[in-house]
Protein backbone atom coordinates (compact mmCIF):
# COMPACT_ATOMS: atom_id res chain seq x y z
CA UNK A 1 8.55 30.96 -48.33
CA UNK A 2 11.92 30.05 -46.87
CA UNK A 3 11.12 31.77 -43.57
CA UNK A 4 7.84 29.86 -43.33
CA UNK A 5 9.59 26.53 -43.95
CA UNK A 6 12.21 27.34 -41.33
CA UNK A 7 9.44 28.17 -38.84
CA UNK A 8 7.76 24.81 -39.47
CA UNK A 9 11.06 23.00 -39.06
CA UNK A 10 11.69 24.83 -35.79
CA UNK A 11 8.23 23.86 -34.45
CA UNK A 12 8.86 20.20 -35.41
CA UNK A 13 12.25 20.32 -33.65
CA UNK A 14 10.72 21.77 -30.47
CA UNK A 15 7.90 19.20 -30.57
CA UNK A 16 10.46 16.40 -31.01
CA UNK A 17 12.53 17.70 -28.09
CA UNK A 18 9.42 17.75 -25.89
CA UNK A 19 8.52 14.20 -26.87
CA UNK A 20 12.06 12.94 -26.24
CA UNK A 21 12.18 14.76 -22.86
CA UNK A 22 8.85 13.16 -21.93
CA UNK A 23 10.13 9.71 -22.82
CA UNK A 24 13.27 10.21 -20.76
CA UNK A 25 11.26 11.42 -17.76
CA UNK A 26 8.84 8.49 -18.06
CA UNK A 27 11.78 6.05 -18.25
CA UNK A 28 13.30 7.56 -15.10
CA UNK A 29 9.92 7.38 -13.41
CA UNK A 30 9.52 3.65 -14.21
CA UNK A 31 13.10 2.83 -13.26
CA UNK A 32 12.58 4.49 -9.92
CA UNK A 33 9.64 2.18 -9.16
CA UNK A 34 11.59 -0.90 -10.30
CA UNK A 35 14.54 0.03 -8.07
CA UNK A 36 12.33 0.60 -5.09
CA UNK A 37 10.52 -2.71 -5.53
CA UNK A 38 13.81 -4.57 -6.11
CA UNK A 39 15.36 -3.30 -2.92
CA UNK A 40 12.33 -4.38 -0.86
CA UNK A 41 13.51 -7.98 -1.34
CA UNK A 42 17.24 -7.28 -1.05
CA UNK A 43 19.06 -7.44 2.32
CA UNK A 44 19.81 -5.82 4.69
CA UNK A 45 16.20 -5.75 5.85
CA UNK A 46 15.07 -2.95 8.11
CA UNK A 47 11.94 -4.05 10.02
CA UNK A 48 12.01 -0.98 12.22
CA UNK A 49 11.81 1.25 9.20
CA UNK A 50 8.92 -0.75 7.81
CA UNK A 51 6.96 -0.56 11.13
CA UNK A 52 7.67 3.18 11.43
CA UNK A 53 6.34 3.86 7.94
CA UNK A 54 3.29 1.64 8.53
CA UNK A 55 2.58 3.76 11.63
CA UNK A 56 3.01 7.02 9.76
CA UNK A 57 0.99 5.97 6.72
CA UNK A 58 -1.53 3.65 8.34
CA UNK A 59 -2.08 4.28 12.04
CA UNK A 60 -1.71 8.05 11.88
CA UNK A 61 -4.32 8.20 9.10
CA UNK A 62 -6.86 6.06 10.95
CA UNK A 63 -8.88 8.91 12.47
CA UNK A 64 -9.13 10.67 9.14
CA UNK A 65 -10.26 7.43 7.40
CA UNK A 66 -12.90 6.74 10.08
CA UNK A 67 -14.21 10.30 9.89
CA UNK A 68 -14.46 10.49 6.12
CA UNK A 69 -15.74 6.95 5.86
CA UNK A 70 -18.51 7.65 8.36
CA UNK A 71 -19.71 10.81 6.65
CA UNK A 72 -19.48 9.17 3.19
CA UNK A 73 -21.70 6.30 4.33
CA UNK A 74 -24.16 8.73 5.94
CA UNK A 75 -24.47 10.73 2.71
CA UNK A 76 -24.94 7.48 0.75
CA UNK A 77 -27.60 6.35 3.21
CA UNK A 78 -29.49 9.65 2.93
CA UNK A 79 -29.28 9.99 -0.83
CA UNK A 80 -29.78 6.30 -1.45
CA UNK A 81 -32.93 6.10 0.67
CA UNK A 82 -34.50 9.18 -0.95
CA UNK A 83 -33.77 7.78 -4.42
CA UNK A 84 -34.84 4.18 -3.81
CA UNK A 85 -38.02 5.18 -2.02
CA UNK A 86 -39.32 6.72 -5.25
CA UNK A 87 -39.22 3.29 -6.82
CA UNK A 88 -40.40 1.36 -3.75
CA UNK A 89 -37.01 -0.30 -3.36
CA UNK A 90 -35.83 1.12 -0.02
CA UNK A 91 -35.12 -2.44 1.15
CA UNK A 92 -32.17 -2.48 -1.25
CA UNK A 93 -30.46 0.39 0.59
CA UNK A 94 -27.87 -1.79 2.27
CA UNK A 95 -26.89 -3.41 -0.99
CA UNK A 96 -26.47 -0.06 -2.77
CA UNK A 97 -24.44 1.51 0.04
CA UNK A 98 -22.20 -1.52 0.45
CA UNK A 99 -21.49 -2.09 -3.24
CA UNK A 100 -20.80 1.60 -3.92
CA UNK A 101 -18.43 1.77 -1.01
CA UNK A 102 -16.62 -1.53 -1.46
CA UNK A 103 -16.19 -1.36 -5.23
CA UNK A 104 -15.66 2.35 -5.87
CA UNK A 105 -15.82 5.02 -3.23
CA UNK A 106 -13.95 3.17 -0.48
CA UNK A 107 -10.67 2.58 -2.37
CA UNK A 108 -10.75 5.90 -4.18
CA UNK A 109 -11.61 8.20 -1.30
CA UNK A 110 -9.33 6.37 1.13
CA UNK A 111 -6.43 6.65 -1.33
CA UNK A 112 -7.07 10.34 -1.87
CA UNK A 113 -7.32 11.08 1.82
CA UNK A 114 -4.05 9.16 2.54
CA UNK A 115 -2.42 11.09 -0.32
CA UNK A 116 -3.52 14.38 1.15
CA UNK A 117 -2.29 13.49 4.68
CA UNK A 118 0.62 11.03 4.37
CA UNK A 119 1.67 11.40 0.73
CA UNK A 120 2.12 15.12 0.88
CA UNK A 121 4.15 14.89 4.12
CA UNK A 122 6.27 12.17 2.52
CA UNK A 123 7.04 14.25 -0.55
CA UNK A 124 7.88 17.24 1.61
CA UNK A 125 10.13 15.21 3.85
CA UNK A 126 12.12 13.69 1.00
CA UNK A 127 12.16 17.04 -0.79
CA UNK A 128 13.66 18.66 2.29
CA UNK A 129 16.30 15.91 2.56
CA UNK A 130 17.15 16.47 -1.11
CA UNK A 131 17.40 20.25 -0.78
CA UNK A 132 19.60 19.96 2.33
CA UNK A 133 21.80 17.29 0.68
CA UNK A 134 20.95 14.61 3.24
CA UNK A 135 20.29 12.13 0.44
CA UNK A 136 23.80 12.79 -0.91
CA UNK A 137 25.17 12.25 2.62
CA UNK A 138 23.55 8.78 2.71
CA UNK A 139 25.30 7.92 -0.57
CA UNK A 140 28.64 9.12 0.85
CA UNK A 141 28.08 6.82 3.86
CA UNK A 142 27.58 3.87 1.49
CA UNK A 143 23.87 3.66 2.30
CA UNK A 144 21.59 3.18 -0.70
CA UNK A 145 19.09 6.07 -0.42
CA UNK A 146 16.37 4.28 -2.41
CA UNK A 147 16.59 1.21 -0.24
CA UNK A 148 16.74 3.21 2.98
CA UNK A 149 14.15 5.91 2.18
CA UNK A 150 11.83 4.66 -0.56
CA UNK A 151 11.52 0.88 -0.31
CA UNK A 152 10.14 0.88 3.30
CA UNK A 153 7.53 3.44 2.23
CA UNK A 154 6.50 1.29 -0.77
CA UNK A 155 6.09 -1.78 1.39
CA UNK A 156 4.18 0.19 4.07
CA UNK A 157 1.84 1.61 1.46
CA UNK A 158 1.05 -1.86 0.02
CA UNK A 159 0.24 -3.06 3.55
CA UNK A 160 -1.63 -0.02 4.85
CA UNK A 161 -3.85 0.92 1.95
CA UNK A 162 -5.96 -2.31 1.87
CA UNK A 163 -6.37 -2.23 5.68
CA UNK A 164 -7.44 1.41 5.73
CA UNK A 165 -9.75 0.84 2.79
CA UNK A 166 -11.41 -2.07 4.63
CA UNK A 167 -11.92 0.10 7.73
CA UNK A 168 -13.31 2.89 5.49
CA UNK A 169 -15.84 0.43 3.98
CA UNK A 170 -16.99 -0.98 7.27
CA UNK A 171 -17.40 2.46 8.89
CA UNK A 172 -19.19 3.72 5.82
CA UNK A 173 -21.65 0.82 5.84
CA UNK A 174 -22.51 1.48 9.47
CA UNK A 175 -22.78 5.18 8.75
CA UNK A 176 -25.29 4.40 6.01
CA UNK A 177 -27.19 2.20 8.45
CA UNK A 178 -27.34 4.98 11.07
CA UNK A 179 -28.89 7.45 8.63
CA UNK A 180 -30.89 5.21 6.34
CA UNK A 181 -32.38 2.94 9.03
CA UNK A 182 -32.08 4.95 12.24
CA UNK A 183 -32.99 8.33 10.82
CA UNK A 184 -34.96 7.76 7.63
CA UNK A 185 -36.76 4.59 8.65
CA UNK A 186 -35.53 2.09 6.08
CA UNK A 187 -36.21 -1.61 6.89
CA UNK A 188 -33.59 -2.68 9.48
CA UNK A 189 -33.45 -6.41 8.67
CA UNK A 190 -33.31 -5.84 4.92
CA UNK A 191 -30.24 -3.61 5.22
CA UNK A 192 -27.75 -6.30 6.28
CA UNK A 193 -29.65 -9.16 4.67
CA UNK A 194 -29.30 -7.41 1.36
CA UNK A 195 -25.60 -6.99 1.83
CA UNK A 196 -25.12 -10.67 2.74
CA UNK A 197 -27.24 -11.87 -0.17
CA UNK A 198 -25.89 -9.62 -2.96
CA UNK A 199 -22.26 -8.88 -2.09
CA UNK A 200 -19.86 -11.45 -3.43
CA UNK A 201 -16.21 -12.21 -2.84
CA UNK A 202 -15.47 -10.73 -6.23
CA UNK A 203 -16.84 -7.35 -5.11
CA UNK A 204 -14.65 -7.37 -2.01
CA UNK A 205 -11.53 -8.44 -3.94
CA UNK A 206 -12.14 -5.77 -6.57
CA UNK A 207 -11.87 -3.13 -3.86
CA UNK A 208 -8.77 -4.69 -2.35
CA UNK A 209 -7.07 -4.95 -5.76
CA UNK A 210 -7.68 -1.27 -6.27
CA UNK A 211 -6.39 -0.42 -2.83
CA UNK A 212 -3.16 -2.40 -3.48
CA UNK A 213 -2.58 -0.61 -6.80
CA UNK A 214 -3.39 2.80 -5.32
CA UNK A 215 -0.90 2.12 -2.51
CA UNK A 216 1.85 1.49 -5.08
CA UNK A 217 0.84 4.55 -7.13
CA UNK A 218 0.75 6.99 -4.25
CA UNK A 219 3.96 5.83 -2.70
CA UNK A 220 5.67 5.74 -6.06
CA UNK A 221 4.60 9.25 -7.15
CA UNK A 222 5.09 10.95 -3.78
CA UNK A 223 8.52 9.40 -3.20
CA UNK A 224 9.63 10.15 -6.73
CA UNK A 225 8.58 13.83 -6.59
CA UNK A 226 10.16 14.33 -3.19
CA UNK A 227 13.32 12.40 -4.09
CA UNK A 228 13.87 14.51 -7.23
CA UNK A 229 12.81 17.86 -5.80
CA UNK A 230 14.71 20.86 -7.13
CA UNK A 231 17.22 22.38 -4.79
CA UNK A 232 15.71 25.84 -4.71
CA UNK A 233 13.45 27.89 -2.46
CA UNK A 234 10.23 26.62 -4.07
CA UNK A 235 11.47 23.08 -4.79
CA UNK A 236 9.85 21.38 -1.81
CA UNK A 237 6.47 23.12 -2.19
CA UNK A 238 6.43 22.41 -5.93
CA UNK A 239 7.31 18.77 -5.42
CA UNK A 240 4.59 18.36 -2.77
CA UNK A 241 1.93 19.99 -4.97
CA UNK A 242 2.86 17.92 -7.99
CA UNK A 243 2.90 14.73 -5.92
CA UNK A 244 -0.66 15.26 -4.60
CA UNK A 245 -2.09 16.38 -7.95
CA UNK A 246 -0.48 13.60 -9.99
CA UNK A 247 -1.35 10.94 -7.40
CA UNK A 248 -5.00 11.99 -7.39
CA UNK A 249 -5.24 12.05 -11.17
CA UNK A 250 -3.62 8.61 -11.47
CA UNK A 251 -5.93 7.21 -8.75
CA UNK A 252 -9.01 8.27 -10.72
CA UNK A 253 -7.57 7.19 -14.09
CA UNK A 254 -6.50 3.70 -12.88
CA UNK A 255 -9.81 3.33 -11.05
CA UNK A 256 -11.59 3.57 -14.42
CA UNK A 257 -9.20 1.09 -16.09
CA UNK A 258 -9.39 -1.40 -13.22
CA UNK A 259 -13.20 -1.11 -13.07
CA UNK A 260 -13.43 -1.85 -16.81
CA UNK A 261 -11.17 -4.87 -16.41
CA UNK A 262 -12.64 -6.32 -13.21
CA UNK A 263 -16.30 -5.51 -13.84
C-alpha cells in the first residue's frame, strides 16, 4: 500500500516538473518575441541588415513561390473545372480558384515554402553561430545579439510574407486560367468576371492578415530555435528540424483560428 502511494506521488511530482518546465520554456519563448519586436523600434537602426534579410527571405524565395503558385493554380483549375462541370457551374471556376487561393492556400502554402527554404537556413545559420560561440562574441563586443541578428529578420519577414503571398495568389489565378480555360475549355469571360464580381476587399485582407501573422510566426520560431541551439554535434540539425516542424504546425493551427475569426 505504501509503495503504491509513493509511486503515485512520484508520478505526480514528475508530471508537475514537466508542467513547470513547459511553462518556463513558453515564457522564454514569448519573451524572445517581445525582445525582438522591441529592438526593431530601438536605435541604432541597421537598414543594410533589413535589406539583406528582405533579399534572403523575399527575393531569393521568389522563384520557388512562382513555381509552386503556378502549379497550385493549375491543379485547382483542373480539379475545379471537373467538379463544377458536374453541376453545370463551370462559369464559377474563376471565383472558386481565386477565393481558395486568396483566403486559404496562398498564405498557407507560401508560408510553408518560405519556412522550408529561408526558415530552415535561418535556423541553421543562427545555430551554427551559437555552437561556434559567435553570439557570445557579439555580446562581448557590446553588440546586442537579438537586435543585430533577430530583429532584422523579424522585420524582413513581416514585409516579405505579404508580398510573396500576393505574388503566389496572382500566379496561381493565372495558372488556373491556363488550365481551366485554355486546356479544359471553361468560359473565358466568366473566369475573370466572376473574380471581379465575387471577390471582396475582405477576402483579400483576410489573406494578407494571415500572411503577416505567418511571417511573425516563422521568423519567431526559426530564430528562437537557432538562437538556442544546443552546443553539440547534432544541435544545429535538431534546431533546424524543430524549427521547420513547429513552424508548419503553428501555421496550420493559426490558419484555422484566424479563419474562424475572420470568416
